[in-house]
Structures are given as structure tokens and as C-alpha cells.
N, C-alpha and C. Protein backbone atom coordinates (compact mmCIF):
# COMPACT_ATOMS: atom_id res chain seq x y z
N MET A 1 0.83 -1.18 0.00
CA MET A 1 0.00 0.00 0.00
C MET A 1 0.88 1.25 0.00
N TYR A 2 0.26 2.38 -0.05
CA TYR A 2 0.93 3.66 -0.12
C TYR A 2 1.55 4.00 1.22
N ASP A 3 2.78 4.43 1.22
CA ASP A 3 3.51 4.75 2.42
C ASP A 3 3.83 6.25 2.41
N VAL A 4 3.06 7.03 3.16
CA VAL A 4 3.20 8.48 3.15
C VAL A 4 4.59 8.89 3.61
N LYS A 5 5.08 8.30 4.70
CA LYS A 5 6.40 8.69 5.21
C LYS A 5 7.48 8.41 4.17
N ARG A 6 7.40 7.27 3.53
CA ARG A 6 8.41 6.93 2.54
C ARG A 6 8.37 7.90 1.37
N ASN A 7 7.15 8.16 0.84
CA ASN A 7 7.06 9.07 -0.30
C ASN A 7 7.48 10.48 0.07
N SER A 8 7.07 10.96 1.24
CA SER A 8 7.44 12.31 1.65
C SER A 8 8.94 12.45 1.77
N ALA A 9 9.57 11.46 2.37
CA ALA A 9 11.02 11.52 2.54
C ALA A 9 11.73 11.33 1.20
N GLU A 10 11.22 10.42 0.40
CA GLU A 10 11.88 10.08 -0.86
C GLU A 10 11.78 11.22 -1.87
N TRP A 11 10.65 11.87 -1.96
CA TRP A 11 10.44 12.86 -3.01
C TRP A 11 10.46 14.30 -2.49
N GLY A 12 10.55 14.48 -1.19
CA GLY A 12 10.63 15.83 -0.63
C GLY A 12 9.25 16.40 -0.38
N ALA A 13 8.85 16.44 0.87
CA ALA A 13 7.50 16.88 1.22
C ALA A 13 7.21 18.29 0.72
N ALA A 14 8.21 19.15 0.67
CA ALA A 14 7.98 20.53 0.25
C ALA A 14 7.58 20.62 -1.21
N SER A 15 7.94 19.63 -2.02
CA SER A 15 7.64 19.71 -3.44
C SER A 15 6.28 19.09 -3.79
N LEU A 16 5.60 18.53 -2.80
CA LEU A 16 4.33 17.86 -3.08
C LEU A 16 3.20 18.87 -3.16
N LEU A 17 2.30 18.63 -4.07
CA LEU A 17 1.13 19.48 -4.22
C LEU A 17 -0.09 18.74 -3.71
N THR A 18 -1.03 19.45 -3.15
CA THR A 18 -2.26 18.83 -2.68
C THR A 18 -3.23 18.73 -3.84
N PRO A 19 -3.71 17.51 -4.14
CA PRO A 19 -4.67 17.37 -5.23
C PRO A 19 -5.93 18.19 -4.95
N LYS A 20 -6.52 18.74 -6.00
CA LYS A 20 -7.72 19.57 -5.84
C LYS A 20 -8.87 18.82 -5.20
N TRP A 21 -8.96 17.50 -5.44
CA TRP A 21 -10.08 16.75 -4.87
C TRP A 21 -9.99 16.68 -3.36
N LEU A 22 -8.78 16.91 -2.78
CA LEU A 22 -8.63 16.90 -1.33
C LEU A 22 -9.04 18.23 -0.72
N THR A 23 -9.05 19.27 -1.51
CA THR A 23 -9.35 20.60 -0.99
C THR A 23 -10.78 21.04 -1.30
N GLY A 24 -11.64 20.10 -1.62
CA GLY A 24 -13.04 20.44 -1.84
C GLY A 24 -13.42 20.58 -3.29
N GLY A 25 -12.46 20.48 -4.21
CA GLY A 25 -12.78 20.54 -5.63
C GLY A 25 -13.54 19.30 -6.06
N SER A 26 -14.25 19.38 -7.16
CA SER A 26 -15.02 18.23 -7.62
C SER A 26 -14.09 17.20 -8.27
N MET A 27 -14.56 15.95 -8.29
CA MET A 27 -13.78 14.88 -8.92
C MET A 27 -14.04 14.92 -10.42
N LYS A 28 -13.00 15.19 -11.16
CA LYS A 28 -13.11 15.22 -12.61
C LYS A 28 -12.94 13.81 -13.16
N PRO A 29 -13.53 13.53 -14.30
CA PRO A 29 -13.28 12.23 -14.93
C PRO A 29 -11.83 12.16 -15.40
N ILE A 30 -11.30 10.94 -15.43
CA ILE A 30 -9.92 10.71 -15.85
C ILE A 30 -9.96 9.97 -17.19
N ARG A 31 -9.24 10.52 -18.17
CA ARG A 31 -9.17 9.91 -19.50
C ARG A 31 -7.73 9.58 -19.82
N LEU A 32 -7.47 8.33 -20.20
CA LEU A 32 -6.14 7.91 -20.61
C LEU A 32 -6.03 8.04 -22.13
N THR A 33 -4.95 8.66 -22.58
CA THR A 33 -4.70 8.72 -24.02
C THR A 33 -4.34 7.32 -24.52
N GLN A 34 -4.36 7.14 -25.82
CA GLN A 34 -3.96 5.84 -26.38
C GLN A 34 -2.51 5.53 -26.02
N HIS A 35 -1.66 6.55 -26.04
CA HIS A 35 -0.26 6.37 -25.65
C HIS A 35 -0.16 5.88 -24.21
N ALA A 36 -0.92 6.48 -23.30
CA ALA A 36 -0.90 6.08 -21.89
C ALA A 36 -1.37 4.64 -21.73
N ARG A 37 -2.41 4.25 -22.47
CA ARG A 37 -2.90 2.86 -22.41
C ARG A 37 -1.81 1.89 -22.87
N GLN A 38 -1.09 2.24 -23.90
CA GLN A 38 -0.03 1.37 -24.40
C GLN A 38 1.11 1.28 -23.38
N GLN A 39 1.43 2.41 -22.76
CA GLN A 39 2.48 2.40 -21.74
C GLN A 39 2.09 1.54 -20.55
N CYS A 40 0.82 1.52 -20.19
CA CYS A 40 0.34 0.63 -19.12
C CYS A 40 0.66 -0.82 -19.46
N LEU A 41 0.37 -1.22 -20.68
CA LEU A 41 0.64 -2.59 -21.11
C LEU A 41 2.13 -2.88 -21.10
N ASP A 42 2.92 -1.97 -21.65
CA ASP A 42 4.36 -2.16 -21.77
C ASP A 42 5.07 -2.17 -20.42
N ARG A 43 4.53 -1.42 -19.46
CA ARG A 43 5.25 -1.21 -18.20
C ARG A 43 4.60 -1.90 -17.00
N GLY A 44 3.55 -2.67 -17.24
CA GLY A 44 2.98 -3.50 -16.18
C GLY A 44 2.05 -2.81 -15.21
N ALA A 45 1.38 -1.75 -15.64
CA ALA A 45 0.41 -1.06 -14.78
C ALA A 45 -0.99 -1.29 -15.33
N SER A 46 -1.96 -1.38 -14.44
CA SER A 46 -3.35 -1.49 -14.88
C SER A 46 -3.96 -0.08 -14.92
N GLU A 47 -5.04 0.06 -15.66
CA GLU A 47 -5.73 1.35 -15.69
C GLU A 47 -6.28 1.70 -14.31
N ALA A 48 -6.71 0.70 -13.57
CA ALA A 48 -7.21 0.94 -12.21
C ALA A 48 -6.10 1.50 -11.31
N GLU A 49 -4.88 0.99 -11.46
CA GLU A 49 -3.76 1.51 -10.68
C GLU A 49 -3.44 2.95 -11.08
N VAL A 50 -3.53 3.25 -12.36
CA VAL A 50 -3.27 4.61 -12.82
C VAL A 50 -4.30 5.57 -12.22
N ILE A 51 -5.55 5.19 -12.24
CA ILE A 51 -6.60 6.04 -11.68
C ILE A 51 -6.39 6.23 -10.18
N GLN A 52 -6.02 5.17 -9.47
CA GLN A 52 -5.75 5.30 -8.04
C GLN A 52 -4.56 6.23 -7.80
N ALA A 53 -3.54 6.14 -8.63
CA ALA A 53 -2.37 7.01 -8.50
C ALA A 53 -2.76 8.48 -8.71
N VAL A 54 -3.64 8.73 -9.68
CA VAL A 54 -4.08 10.10 -9.93
C VAL A 54 -4.93 10.61 -8.77
N ARG A 55 -5.85 9.79 -8.29
CA ARG A 55 -6.77 10.23 -7.24
C ARG A 55 -6.11 10.34 -5.86
N HIS A 56 -5.16 9.46 -5.56
CA HIS A 56 -4.65 9.37 -4.19
C HIS A 56 -3.15 9.56 -4.05
N GLY A 57 -2.43 9.66 -5.15
CA GLY A 57 -0.98 9.78 -5.07
C GLY A 57 -0.50 11.19 -4.80
N THR A 58 0.79 11.29 -4.57
CA THR A 58 1.40 12.61 -4.43
C THR A 58 1.58 13.20 -5.82
N ARG A 59 1.69 14.52 -5.88
CA ARG A 59 1.87 15.19 -7.17
C ARG A 59 3.08 16.10 -7.12
N GLN A 60 3.79 16.11 -8.24
CA GLN A 60 4.94 17.00 -8.41
C GLN A 60 4.82 17.68 -9.76
N PRO A 61 5.30 18.91 -9.87
CA PRO A 61 5.30 19.57 -11.18
C PRO A 61 6.15 18.79 -12.18
N ALA A 62 5.71 18.77 -13.42
CA ALA A 62 6.44 18.13 -14.51
C ALA A 62 6.60 19.17 -15.63
N LYS A 63 7.24 18.77 -16.70
CA LYS A 63 7.46 19.68 -17.82
C LYS A 63 6.14 20.08 -18.49
N ARG A 64 6.18 21.22 -19.14
CA ARG A 64 5.06 21.74 -19.95
C ARG A 64 3.76 21.93 -19.17
N GLY A 65 3.86 22.31 -17.90
CA GLY A 65 2.67 22.58 -17.11
C GLY A 65 1.90 21.33 -16.69
N ARG A 66 2.53 20.20 -16.77
CA ARG A 66 1.89 18.94 -16.38
C ARG A 66 2.29 18.58 -14.95
N GLU A 67 1.68 17.53 -14.43
CA GLU A 67 2.01 17.03 -13.11
C GLU A 67 2.29 15.53 -13.20
N GLN A 68 3.19 15.07 -12.35
CA GLN A 68 3.43 13.64 -12.25
C GLN A 68 2.92 13.18 -10.89
N CYS A 69 2.07 12.18 -10.93
CA CYS A 69 1.53 11.58 -9.71
C CYS A 69 2.37 10.35 -9.39
N ARG A 70 2.47 10.02 -8.12
CA ARG A 70 3.20 8.82 -7.71
C ARG A 70 2.41 8.11 -6.62
N TYR A 71 2.32 6.80 -6.78
CA TYR A 71 1.62 6.00 -5.78
C TYR A 71 2.29 4.63 -5.71
N ASN A 72 2.60 4.21 -4.48
CA ASN A 72 3.26 2.92 -4.28
C ASN A 72 2.22 1.84 -3.98
N PHE A 73 2.37 0.72 -4.68
CA PHE A 73 1.52 -0.45 -4.45
C PHE A 73 2.37 -1.59 -3.93
N ALA A 74 1.84 -2.34 -2.95
CA ALA A 74 2.50 -3.58 -2.54
C ALA A 74 2.48 -4.49 -3.75
N PHE A 75 3.61 -5.08 -4.10
CA PHE A 75 3.69 -5.88 -5.32
C PHE A 75 4.00 -7.33 -5.00
N GLY A 76 5.15 -7.62 -4.42
CA GLY A 76 5.50 -8.97 -4.02
C GLY A 76 5.47 -10.00 -5.13
N GLN A 77 5.86 -9.60 -6.33
CA GLN A 77 5.86 -10.49 -7.49
C GLN A 77 7.13 -10.24 -8.31
N SER A 78 7.24 -10.98 -9.38
CA SER A 78 8.36 -10.78 -10.30
C SER A 78 7.92 -9.93 -11.48
N TRP A 79 8.82 -9.10 -11.94
CA TRP A 79 8.63 -8.33 -13.16
C TRP A 79 9.89 -8.51 -13.98
N GLN A 80 9.73 -9.00 -15.19
CA GLN A 80 10.83 -9.28 -16.10
C GLN A 80 11.92 -10.14 -15.43
N GLY A 81 11.44 -11.16 -14.71
CA GLY A 81 12.32 -12.14 -14.12
C GLY A 81 12.97 -11.78 -12.80
N ARG A 82 12.63 -10.63 -12.23
CA ARG A 82 13.21 -10.21 -10.95
C ARG A 82 12.11 -9.95 -9.94
N PRO A 83 12.32 -10.36 -8.68
CA PRO A 83 11.29 -10.13 -7.65
C PRO A 83 11.37 -8.69 -7.11
N TYR A 84 10.20 -8.11 -6.89
CA TYR A 84 10.11 -6.76 -6.33
C TYR A 84 9.00 -6.71 -5.29
N ALA A 85 9.23 -5.95 -4.23
CA ALA A 85 8.23 -5.80 -3.18
C ALA A 85 7.23 -4.68 -3.47
N ILE A 86 7.70 -3.64 -4.16
CA ILE A 86 6.89 -2.44 -4.39
C ILE A 86 6.85 -2.13 -5.88
N LYS A 87 5.67 -1.72 -6.34
CA LYS A 87 5.52 -1.18 -7.69
C LYS A 87 5.01 0.24 -7.54
N GLN A 88 5.74 1.19 -8.09
CA GLN A 88 5.30 2.58 -8.07
C GLN A 88 4.75 2.94 -9.44
N VAL A 89 3.52 3.39 -9.47
CA VAL A 89 2.88 3.83 -10.71
C VAL A 89 2.92 5.35 -10.71
N ALA A 90 3.42 5.92 -11.82
CA ALA A 90 3.65 7.36 -11.89
C ALA A 90 3.11 7.93 -13.20
N PRO A 91 1.80 8.20 -13.26
CA PRO A 91 1.25 8.81 -14.47
C PRO A 91 1.57 10.30 -14.56
N VAL A 92 1.76 10.77 -15.78
CA VAL A 92 1.94 12.20 -16.05
C VAL A 92 0.60 12.70 -16.57
N ILE A 93 0.07 13.74 -15.93
CA ILE A 93 -1.27 14.21 -16.25
C ILE A 93 -1.28 15.68 -16.64
N LYS A 94 -2.36 16.05 -17.32
CA LYS A 94 -2.66 17.45 -17.60
C LYS A 94 -4.09 17.67 -17.12
N GLU A 95 -4.24 18.52 -16.12
CA GLU A 95 -5.57 18.79 -15.60
C GLU A 95 -6.21 19.89 -16.45
N GLU A 96 -7.32 19.55 -17.08
CA GLU A 96 -8.06 20.50 -17.90
C GLU A 96 -9.33 20.92 -17.18
N ASP A 97 -10.09 21.83 -17.77
CA ASP A 97 -11.29 22.33 -17.12
C ASP A 97 -12.30 21.22 -16.80
N ALA A 98 -12.51 20.31 -17.75
CA ALA A 98 -13.57 19.32 -17.60
C ALA A 98 -13.07 17.91 -17.26
N GLU A 99 -11.77 17.66 -17.38
CA GLU A 99 -11.26 16.31 -17.16
C GLU A 99 -9.78 16.34 -16.83
N ILE A 100 -9.28 15.18 -16.38
CA ILE A 100 -7.86 14.97 -16.17
C ILE A 100 -7.40 14.01 -17.26
N VAL A 101 -6.41 14.43 -18.03
CA VAL A 101 -5.91 13.61 -19.14
C VAL A 101 -4.58 12.99 -18.72
N VAL A 102 -4.50 11.66 -18.82
CA VAL A 102 -3.26 10.96 -18.53
C VAL A 102 -2.48 10.89 -19.84
N ILE A 103 -1.31 11.53 -19.85
CA ILE A 103 -0.48 11.64 -21.04
C ILE A 103 0.38 10.39 -21.23
N THR A 104 1.05 9.97 -20.18
CA THR A 104 1.89 8.77 -20.22
C THR A 104 1.93 8.16 -18.84
N VAL A 105 2.47 6.96 -18.75
CA VAL A 105 2.53 6.25 -17.47
C VAL A 105 3.92 5.62 -17.32
N TYR A 106 4.55 5.89 -16.19
CA TYR A 106 5.81 5.26 -15.83
C TYR A 106 5.56 4.30 -14.68
N THR A 107 6.33 3.24 -14.62
CA THR A 107 6.30 2.36 -13.44
C THR A 107 7.75 2.15 -12.98
N PHE A 108 7.89 2.05 -11.69
CA PHE A 108 9.19 1.80 -11.07
C PHE A 108 9.01 0.64 -10.11
N TYR A 109 9.93 -0.29 -10.15
CA TYR A 109 9.86 -1.47 -9.30
C TYR A 109 11.05 -1.46 -8.37
N PHE A 110 10.78 -1.69 -7.08
CA PHE A 110 11.87 -1.79 -6.10
C PHE A 110 11.44 -2.60 -4.91
């Protein structure tokens, strides 16, 4: 599951942004681009994990006015022949007026 202390220490608590849904903003629909869907397949993330990362993960500024979300999942499996305890799903998003668009998805295993 998500480890707040680990993420805060690892990524720097000062650089984290509070998602709008935590501050009383409405929940916007999340749309994955075709590229993001392909990256999910290539990198071992499910769309459900991406949505959870967007809704509940930490956020950091990314290039071109985008944000990168990060969320750690307990994994305890092998990926590409190596065992890993944690899978971090890190979608890059662009928040628009009516929706949140997932541009690409990164995964990190450790």
C-alpha cells in the first residue's frame, strides 16, 4: 500500500502538491490517451492503478505545465524475471477544465 512517510522523505514533502479533490474541488473524470494505455501494457500497470495514483498519489510539477503523480503499491511479485516488493505507478497528467488527461505512465519497481 501507499507509504506516506516513505514518499514524503523520498520525493521531498515541500515539493508535493495537494490534489484539488482533497481541498473540496469536484472529482473530474480521468481519460487515458492511447499512448498512456499502451504504456500501461508495456510497463505493467493497470488502468485501475493509474486512476488510483491520480486520485490518491502525491503530485509534483512536470514539464510543460503537467504534473506527475506517484503511488506505491505492494507488489510482491516478479517483473521481467526479478522479484520486487513495491511497484510505483507514476502517471503524467494534464488537468483541464472538464477532465484529467493521462499523457503517459511510468512504473518503477523496487
